């Protein structure tokens, strides 16, 4: 192996390890987002709520999970925010 091949191999190894660490760090937020958006969808379908799903709502739900989605639902019911 030449020096360039070894350097490229080290670079690829570091990139794979960094990507794995990033996926591990982001996966809880992805799960929270999916579960929270399912809760919002069920609330919209079951109770006929009109909740605007904006990027702000997605961030609140991603960080807060189910409690975040309940907060969005309450704010929408009180017509404080997230109303269509």
N, C-alpha and C. Protein backbone atom coordinates (compact mmCIF):
# COMPACT_ATOMS: atom_id res chain seq x y z
N UNK A 1 0.84 -1.18 0.00
CA UNK A 1 0.00 0.00 0.00
C UNK A 1 0.89 1.24 0.00
N UNK A 2 0.42 2.20 -0.72
CA UNK A 2 1.17 3.46 -0.76
C UNK A 2 0.68 4.37 0.35
N UNK A 3 1.39 5.44 0.54
CA UNK A 3 1.01 6.39 1.58
C UNK A 3 -0.34 7.02 1.32
N UNK A 4 -0.65 7.26 0.05
CA UNK A 4 -1.94 7.86 -0.31
C UNK A 4 -3.09 6.91 0.00
N UNK A 5 -2.90 5.63 -0.26
CA UNK A 5 -3.95 4.64 0.03
C UNK A 5 -4.19 4.53 1.53
N UNK A 6 -3.14 4.56 2.31
CA UNK A 6 -3.28 4.50 3.77
C UNK A 6 -3.99 5.74 4.28
N UNK A 7 -3.62 6.90 3.76
CA UNK A 7 -4.27 8.14 4.15
C UNK A 7 -5.75 8.12 3.79
N UNK A 8 -6.07 7.63 2.62
CA UNK A 8 -7.47 7.53 2.19
C UNK A 8 -8.24 6.55 3.06
N UNK A 9 -7.63 5.44 3.43
CA UNK A 9 -8.26 4.46 4.30
C UNK A 9 -8.55 5.06 5.68
N UNK A 10 -7.61 5.81 6.21
CA UNK A 10 -7.82 6.47 7.51
C UNK A 10 -8.93 7.50 7.40
N UNK A 11 -8.97 8.25 6.32
CA UNK A 11 -10.02 9.25 6.11
C UNK A 11 -11.39 8.60 6.05
N UNK A 12 -11.52 7.51 5.33
CA UNK A 12 -12.81 6.81 5.21
C UNK A 12 -13.22 6.24 6.56
N UNK A 13 -12.28 5.70 7.31
CA UNK A 13 -12.58 5.15 8.63
C UNK A 13 -13.08 6.23 9.58
N UNK A 14 -12.44 7.38 9.57
CA UNK A 14 -12.87 8.50 10.41
C UNK A 14 -14.26 8.98 9.98
N UNK A 15 -14.52 9.04 8.69
CA UNK A 15 -15.82 9.47 8.19
C UNK A 15 -16.92 8.51 8.61
N UNK A 16 -16.66 7.21 8.55
CA UNK A 16 -17.66 6.21 8.95
C UNK A 16 -17.93 6.30 10.45
N UNK A 17 -16.89 6.46 11.24
CA UNK A 17 -17.08 6.58 12.69
C UNK A 17 -17.84 7.86 13.05
N UNK A 18 -17.55 8.95 12.36
CA UNK A 18 -18.27 10.20 12.60
C UNK A 18 -19.74 10.06 12.20
N UNK A 19 -20.02 9.40 11.09
CA UNK A 19 -21.40 9.20 10.66
C UNK A 19 -22.16 8.32 11.65
N UNK A 20 -21.51 7.29 12.18
CA UNK A 20 -22.16 6.42 13.16
C UNK A 20 -22.47 7.19 14.43
N UNK A 21 -21.56 8.04 14.86
CA UNK A 21 -21.79 8.84 16.06
C UNK A 21 -22.94 9.82 15.84
N UNK A 22 -23.00 10.41 14.65
CA UNK A 22 -24.06 11.35 14.33
C UNK A 22 -25.42 10.66 14.32
N UNK A 23 -25.50 9.48 13.74
CA UNK A 23 -26.76 8.73 13.70
C UNK A 23 -27.20 8.37 15.12
N UNK A 24 -26.26 7.97 15.97
CA UNK A 24 -26.60 7.65 17.35
C UNK A 24 -27.11 8.87 18.11
N UNK A 25 -26.55 10.03 17.81
CA UNK A 25 -26.96 11.25 18.51
C UNK A 25 -28.32 11.76 18.02
N UNK A 26 -28.64 11.55 16.76
CA UNK A 26 -29.85 12.11 16.18
C UNK A 26 -31.05 11.17 16.30
N UNK A 27 -30.82 9.89 16.46
CA UNK A 27 -31.93 8.93 16.44
C UNK A 27 -32.99 9.17 17.51
N UNK A 28 -32.68 9.60 18.75
CA UNK A 28 -33.77 9.88 19.69
C UNK A 28 -34.68 11.01 19.21
N UNK A 29 -34.11 12.02 18.55
CA UNK A 29 -34.93 13.11 18.04
C UNK A 29 -35.83 12.64 16.90
N UNK A 30 -35.34 11.73 16.08
CA UNK A 30 -36.15 11.18 15.00
C UNK A 30 -37.32 10.39 15.57
N UNK A 31 -37.06 9.58 16.59
CA UNK A 31 -38.13 8.80 17.22
C UNK A 31 -39.15 9.74 17.87
N UNK A 32 -38.67 10.77 18.60
CA UNK A 32 -39.59 11.73 19.21
C UNK A 32 -40.44 12.43 18.17
N UNK A 33 -39.84 12.80 17.05
CA UNK A 33 -40.58 13.48 16.00
C UNK A 33 -41.67 12.60 15.42
N UNK A 34 -41.34 11.36 15.12
CA UNK A 34 -42.33 10.46 14.53
C UNK A 34 -43.47 10.20 15.51
N UNK A 35 -43.15 9.90 16.76
CA UNK A 35 -44.19 9.62 17.75
C UNK A 35 -45.05 10.86 17.99
N UNK A 36 -44.42 12.02 18.12
CA UNK A 36 -45.16 13.25 18.34
C UNK A 36 -46.06 13.62 17.18
N UNK A 37 -45.58 13.44 15.95
CA UNK A 37 -46.42 13.73 14.79
C UNK A 37 -47.57 12.74 14.66
N UNK A 38 -47.36 11.50 15.09
CA UNK A 38 -48.47 10.53 15.11
C UNK A 38 -49.51 10.98 16.12
N UNK A 39 -49.07 11.45 17.29
CA UNK A 39 -50.02 11.95 18.30
C UNK A 39 -50.79 13.14 17.75
N UNK A 40 -50.11 14.05 17.07
CA UNK A 40 -50.81 15.20 16.48
C UNK A 40 -51.80 14.76 15.40
N UNK A 41 -51.43 13.80 14.58
CA UNK A 41 -52.33 13.31 13.54
C UNK A 41 -53.55 12.63 14.13
N UNK A 42 -53.35 11.84 15.18
CA UNK A 42 -54.48 11.18 15.84
C UNK A 42 -55.39 12.23 16.48
N UNK A 43 -54.81 13.25 17.09
CA UNK A 43 -55.62 14.31 17.69
C UNK A 43 -56.40 15.07 16.64
N UNK A 44 -55.79 15.30 15.48
CA UNK A 44 -56.50 15.99 14.41
C UNK A 44 -57.63 15.14 13.87
N UNK A 45 -57.39 13.84 13.72
CA UNK A 45 -58.42 12.96 13.16
C UNK A 45 -59.53 12.68 14.17
N UNK A 46 -59.17 12.46 15.42
CA UNK A 46 -60.17 12.06 16.41
C UNK A 46 -61.01 13.24 16.89
N UNK A 47 -60.38 14.39 17.06
CA UNK A 47 -61.09 15.52 17.65
C UNK A 47 -61.35 16.65 16.66
N UNK A 48 -60.93 16.48 15.43
CA UNK A 48 -61.17 17.50 14.41
C UNK A 48 -60.41 18.79 14.65
N UNK A 49 -59.25 18.70 15.27
CA UNK A 49 -58.45 19.90 15.52
C UNK A 49 -57.77 20.36 14.25
N UNK A 50 -57.56 21.65 14.16
CA UNK A 50 -56.84 22.22 13.03
C UNK A 50 -55.51 22.76 13.55
N UNK A 51 -54.49 21.93 13.49
CA UNK A 51 -53.17 22.30 13.99
C UNK A 51 -52.25 22.49 12.79
N UNK A 52 -51.64 23.65 12.72
CA UNK A 52 -50.70 23.94 11.63
C UNK A 52 -49.36 23.28 11.96
N UNK A 53 -48.93 22.35 11.11
CA UNK A 53 -47.65 21.68 11.32
C UNK A 53 -46.59 22.49 10.58
N UNK A 54 -45.90 23.32 11.34
CA UNK A 54 -44.85 24.18 10.82
C UNK A 54 -43.49 23.66 11.29
N UNK A 55 -42.41 24.22 10.78
CA UNK A 55 -41.10 23.80 11.28
C UNK A 55 -40.93 24.02 12.79
N UNK A 56 -41.57 25.05 13.33
CA UNK A 56 -41.51 25.30 14.77
C UNK A 56 -42.18 24.16 15.53
N UNK A 57 -43.32 23.70 15.04
CA UNK A 57 -44.02 22.58 15.66
C UNK A 57 -43.16 21.32 15.61
N UNK A 58 -42.52 21.08 14.49
CA UNK A 58 -41.67 19.89 14.35
C UNK A 58 -40.50 19.95 15.33
N UNK A 59 -39.91 21.12 15.52
CA UNK A 59 -38.80 21.25 16.48
C UNK A 59 -39.30 21.03 17.90
N UNK A 60 -40.46 21.59 18.26
CA UNK A 60 -41.02 21.39 19.60
C UNK A 60 -41.30 19.92 19.83
N UNK A 61 -41.89 19.25 18.86
CA UNK A 61 -42.22 17.84 18.99
C UNK A 61 -40.94 16.99 19.01
N UNK A 62 -39.93 17.36 18.24
CA UNK A 62 -38.68 16.59 18.21
C UNK A 62 -37.96 16.66 19.55
N UNK A 63 -37.96 17.82 20.16
CA UNK A 63 -37.29 17.97 21.45
C UNK A 63 -38.15 17.42 22.58
N UNK A 64 -39.45 17.69 22.53
CA UNK A 64 -40.33 17.32 23.64
C UNK A 64 -40.99 15.98 23.54
N UNK A 65 -41.09 15.42 22.35
CA UNK A 65 -41.77 14.13 22.19
C UNK A 65 -43.26 14.26 22.41
N UNK A 66 -43.82 13.31 23.15
CA UNK A 66 -45.27 13.32 23.42
C UNK A 66 -45.66 14.54 24.27
N UNK A 67 -44.92 14.89 25.33
CA UNK A 67 -45.29 16.12 26.05
C UNK A 67 -45.24 17.37 25.16
N UNK A 68 -44.30 17.41 24.23
CA UNK A 68 -44.25 18.54 23.30
C UNK A 68 -45.46 18.59 22.39
N UNK A 69 -45.92 17.43 21.94
CA UNK A 69 -47.11 17.41 21.10
C UNK A 69 -48.35 17.77 21.90
N UNK A 70 -48.40 17.38 23.16
CA UNK A 70 -49.53 17.78 24.01
C UNK A 70 -49.51 19.30 24.22
N UNK A 71 -48.33 19.87 24.39
CA UNK A 71 -48.20 21.32 24.51
C UNK A 71 -48.71 22.02 23.25
N UNK A 72 -48.37 21.49 22.09
CA UNK A 72 -48.84 22.07 20.83
C UNK A 72 -50.36 21.96 20.73
N UNK A 73 -50.92 20.82 21.13
CA UNK A 73 -52.37 20.64 21.09
C UNK A 73 -53.07 21.62 22.02
N UNK A 74 -52.54 21.79 23.23
CA UNK A 74 -53.15 22.73 24.19
C UNK A 74 -53.06 24.16 23.67
N UNK A 75 -51.92 24.54 23.12
CA UNK A 75 -51.78 25.89 22.55
C UNK A 75 -52.74 26.10 21.38
N UNK A 76 -52.97 25.06 20.60
CA UNK A 76 -53.90 25.16 19.49
C UNK A 76 -55.34 25.27 19.99
N UNK A 77 -55.67 24.48 21.02
CA UNK A 77 -57.03 24.54 21.57
C UNK A 77 -57.33 25.91 22.18
N UNK A 78 -56.33 26.49 22.84
CA UNK A 78 -56.51 27.81 23.45
C UNK A 78 -56.34 28.94 22.44
N UNK A 79 -56.07 28.58 21.19
CA UNK A 79 -55.85 29.52 20.10
C UNK A 79 -54.73 30.51 20.40
N UNK A 80 -53.72 30.02 21.11
CA UNK A 80 -52.54 30.84 21.40
C UNK A 80 -51.58 30.80 20.23
N UNK A 81 -51.39 29.60 19.68
CA UNK A 81 -50.45 29.43 18.57
C UNK A 81 -50.83 28.18 17.80
N UNK A 82 -50.24 28.01 16.63
CA UNK A 82 -50.38 26.81 15.80
C UNK A 82 -51.80 26.58 15.31
N UNK A 83 -52.54 27.64 15.10
CA UNK A 83 -53.92 27.55 14.63
C UNK A 83 -53.93 27.81 13.13
N UNK A 84 -54.69 27.01 12.41
CA UNK A 84 -54.82 27.24 10.96
C UNK A 84 -55.71 28.41 10.67
